[in-house]
Structures are given as C-alpha cells and as structure tokens.
C-alpha cells in the first residue's frame, strides 16, 4: 500500500510577504558599461591557473 494515496496539498498562504520594502534587494544593472578586454582576459587566465593548481582538480581528458 502506497502512502502517496493519502497525501494532500496544503492551502497556499494568502498573507503578503513580511519583508519590508527597504530590506528587499534591488538589482539595477547596466549592460552599457564598456568592457576592459585585457582586464577580463587577465582575470580568466588567473582563474584557469588557480583551477589547474588546485590539488583536487581532475582533468577528465585523463580518463582511460
């Protein structure tokens, strides 16, 4: 006998969120900002170097 036959959905709470407007996170982004390509490339080079220096890093191309 399955217990799933006895499950019922709960009623949706109709009360409004209790988060004050001042505490809500507002994300205003602008995609018009210029990108410094050299800085971005240097950042990703450091990320790749950091990944390769991680002792737990695993290169999947090494699989047999």
N, C-alpha and C. Protein backbone atom coordinates (compact mmCIF):
# COMPACT_ATOMS: atom_id res chain seq x y z
N UNK A 1 0.86 -1.18 0.00
CA UNK A 1 0.00 0.00 0.00
C UNK A 1 0.90 1.24 0.00
N UNK A 2 0.63 2.15 -0.87
CA UNK A 2 1.45 3.35 -1.01
C UNK A 2 0.92 4.47 -0.13
N UNK A 3 1.84 5.18 0.49
CA UNK A 3 1.45 6.34 1.30
C UNK A 3 1.07 7.52 0.41
N UNK A 4 1.47 7.49 -0.86
CA UNK A 4 1.18 8.61 -1.75
C UNK A 4 -0.31 8.79 -1.97
N UNK A 5 -1.09 7.77 -1.74
CA UNK A 5 -2.54 7.88 -1.91
C UNK A 5 -3.17 8.78 -0.85
N UNK A 6 -2.46 9.01 0.24
CA UNK A 6 -3.01 9.77 1.36
C UNK A 6 -2.47 11.20 1.44
N UNK A 7 -1.58 11.58 0.55
CA UNK A 7 -1.02 12.92 0.58
C UNK A 7 -2.02 13.93 0.04
N UNK A 8 -2.04 15.10 0.66
CA UNK A 8 -2.90 16.19 0.20
C UNK A 8 -2.08 17.47 0.14
N UNK A 9 -2.41 18.32 -0.84
CA UNK A 9 -1.75 19.61 -0.94
C UNK A 9 -2.22 20.52 0.19
N UNK A 10 -1.30 21.36 0.67
CA UNK A 10 -1.66 22.35 1.68
C UNK A 10 -2.22 23.58 0.98
N UNK A 11 -3.02 24.33 1.71
CA UNK A 11 -3.56 25.58 1.19
C UNK A 11 -2.42 26.60 1.04
N UNK A 12 -2.48 27.41 0.02
CA UNK A 12 -1.49 28.45 -0.19
C UNK A 12 -1.75 29.58 0.79
N UNK A 13 -0.67 30.03 1.44
CA UNK A 13 -0.79 31.12 2.41
C UNK A 13 -1.05 32.41 1.63
N UNK A 14 -2.18 33.02 1.88
CA UNK A 14 -2.54 34.23 1.14
C UNK A 14 -2.04 35.51 1.79
N UNK A 15 -1.35 35.41 2.92
CA UNK A 15 -0.84 36.61 3.56
C UNK A 15 0.32 37.17 2.75
N UNK A 16 0.49 38.48 2.75
CA UNK A 16 1.58 39.08 1.97
C UNK A 16 2.94 38.78 2.61
N UNK A 17 3.99 38.95 1.83
CA UNK A 17 5.34 38.75 2.37
C UNK A 17 5.59 39.72 3.50
N UNK A 18 6.31 39.26 4.50
CA UNK A 18 6.62 40.09 5.67
C UNK A 18 7.94 40.84 5.51
N UNK A 19 8.51 40.87 4.33
CA UNK A 19 9.78 41.54 4.11
C UNK A 19 9.52 43.00 3.79
N UNK A 20 10.03 43.92 4.63
CA UNK A 20 9.83 45.34 4.33
C UNK A 20 10.51 45.73 3.02
N UNK A 21 9.96 46.68 2.34
CA UNK A 21 10.49 47.12 1.05
C UNK A 21 11.95 47.57 1.16
N UNK A 22 12.30 48.18 2.30
CA UNK A 22 13.67 48.66 2.49
C UNK A 22 14.67 47.50 2.56
N UNK A 23 14.19 46.30 2.88
CA UNK A 23 15.08 45.15 3.01
C UNK A 23 15.12 44.29 1.76
N UNK A 24 14.34 44.61 0.78
CA UNK A 24 14.36 43.85 -0.47
C UNK A 24 15.58 44.26 -1.29
N UNK A 25 16.21 43.28 -1.88
CA UNK A 25 17.41 43.52 -2.68
C UNK A 25 17.00 44.04 -4.06
N UNK A 26 17.53 45.18 -4.42
CA UNK A 26 17.23 45.77 -5.73
C UNK A 26 18.46 45.63 -6.62
N UNK A 27 18.30 44.95 -7.73
CA UNK A 27 19.39 44.80 -8.69
C UNK A 27 19.13 45.71 -9.88
N UNK A 28 19.89 46.76 -9.95
CA UNK A 28 19.81 47.64 -11.11
C UNK A 28 21.13 47.48 -11.86
N UNK A 29 21.09 46.81 -12.99
CA UNK A 29 22.31 46.60 -13.75
C UNK A 29 22.25 47.39 -15.04
N UNK A 30 23.42 47.73 -15.51
CA UNK A 30 23.52 48.43 -16.78
C UNK A 30 24.46 47.62 -17.67
N UNK A 31 23.99 47.24 -18.83
CA UNK A 31 24.81 46.47 -19.75
C UNK A 31 25.49 47.37 -20.77
N UNK A 32 25.44 48.68 -20.52
CA UNK A 32 26.05 49.64 -21.43
C UNK A 32 27.47 50.00 -21.04
N UNK A 33 27.95 49.45 -19.91
CA UNK A 33 29.28 49.79 -19.43
C UNK A 33 30.33 49.19 -20.36
N UNK A 34 31.40 49.95 -20.64
CA UNK A 34 32.45 49.40 -21.51
C UNK A 34 33.20 48.27 -20.79
N UNK A 35 33.67 47.30 -21.56
CA UNK A 35 34.39 46.16 -21.01
C UNK A 35 35.88 46.32 -21.32
N UNK A 36 36.69 46.22 -20.28
CA UNK A 36 38.14 46.24 -20.46
C UNK A 36 38.58 44.82 -20.81
N UNK A 37 38.81 44.57 -22.08
CA UNK A 37 39.08 43.22 -22.55
C UNK A 37 40.36 42.64 -21.97
N UNK A 38 41.40 43.48 -21.82
CA UNK A 38 42.66 42.99 -21.26
C UNK A 38 42.48 42.56 -19.80
N UNK A 39 41.75 43.35 -19.05
CA UNK A 39 41.50 43.03 -17.64
C UNK A 39 40.67 41.75 -17.53
N UNK A 40 39.68 41.59 -18.39
CA UNK A 40 38.86 40.39 -18.39
C UNK A 40 39.68 39.16 -18.75
N UNK A 41 40.53 39.27 -19.74
CA UNK A 41 41.38 38.16 -20.14
C UNK A 41 42.36 37.79 -19.03
N UNK A 42 42.95 38.77 -18.37
CA UNK A 42 43.85 38.51 -17.25
C UNK A 42 43.13 37.81 -16.11
N UNK A 43 41.91 38.24 -15.83
CA UNK A 43 41.11 37.62 -14.77
C UNK A 43 40.90 36.14 -15.06
N UNK A 44 40.48 35.80 -16.29
CA UNK A 44 40.21 34.40 -16.63
C UNK A 44 41.48 33.58 -16.69
N UNK A 45 42.59 34.19 -17.07
CA UNK A 45 43.87 33.47 -17.03
C UNK A 45 44.21 33.07 -15.60
N UNK A 46 43.96 33.98 -14.65
CA UNK A 46 44.21 33.67 -13.23
C UNK A 46 43.26 32.59 -12.73
N UNK A 47 42.01 32.61 -13.19
CA UNK A 47 41.05 31.59 -12.79
C UNK A 47 41.52 30.23 -13.29
N UNK A 48 41.94 30.15 -14.53
CA UNK A 48 42.39 28.88 -15.11
C UNK A 48 43.63 28.38 -14.39
N UNK A 49 44.57 29.27 -14.11
CA UNK A 49 45.78 28.89 -13.38
C UNK A 49 45.42 28.37 -11.99
N UNK A 50 44.50 29.05 -11.32
CA UNK A 50 44.07 28.64 -9.99
C UNK A 50 43.42 27.26 -10.03
N UNK A 51 42.62 27.00 -11.03
CA UNK A 51 41.97 25.69 -11.17
C UNK A 51 43.01 24.60 -11.38
N UNK A 52 43.98 24.85 -12.24
CA UNK A 52 45.00 23.84 -12.54
C UNK A 52 45.91 23.59 -11.34
N UNK A 53 46.06 24.58 -10.46
CA UNK A 53 46.90 24.42 -9.27
C UNK A 53 46.15 23.80 -8.10
N UNK A 54 44.87 23.60 -8.24
CA UNK A 54 44.06 23.00 -7.18
C UNK A 54 44.41 21.52 -7.07
N UNK A 55 44.79 21.05 -5.87
CA UNK A 55 45.16 19.63 -5.74
C UNK A 55 43.99 18.68 -5.99
N UNK A 56 42.77 19.15 -5.84
CA UNK A 56 41.60 18.29 -6.06
C UNK A 56 41.07 18.37 -7.49
N UNK A 57 41.74 19.16 -8.32
CA UNK A 57 41.27 19.35 -9.69
C UNK A 57 41.49 18.06 -10.47
N UNK A 58 40.55 17.69 -11.31
CA UNK A 58 40.63 16.46 -12.08
C UNK A 58 40.42 16.79 -13.55
N UNK A 59 41.35 16.36 -14.37
CA UNK A 59 41.24 16.57 -15.81
C UNK A 59 40.54 15.36 -16.41
N UNK A 60 39.34 15.53 -16.90
CA UNK A 60 38.55 14.43 -17.43
C UNK A 60 39.15 13.84 -18.71
N UNK A 61 40.05 14.55 -19.36
CA UNK A 61 40.67 14.01 -20.56
C UNK A 61 41.69 12.94 -20.21
N UNK A 62 42.05 12.80 -18.91
CA UNK A 62 42.99 11.79 -18.48
C UNK A 62 42.33 10.42 -18.29
N UNK A 63 41.02 10.35 -18.42
CA UNK A 63 40.33 9.08 -18.24
C UNK A 63 40.70 8.10 -19.34
N UNK A 64 40.75 6.83 -18.99
CA UNK A 64 41.06 5.79 -19.98
C UNK A 64 39.80 5.19 -20.52
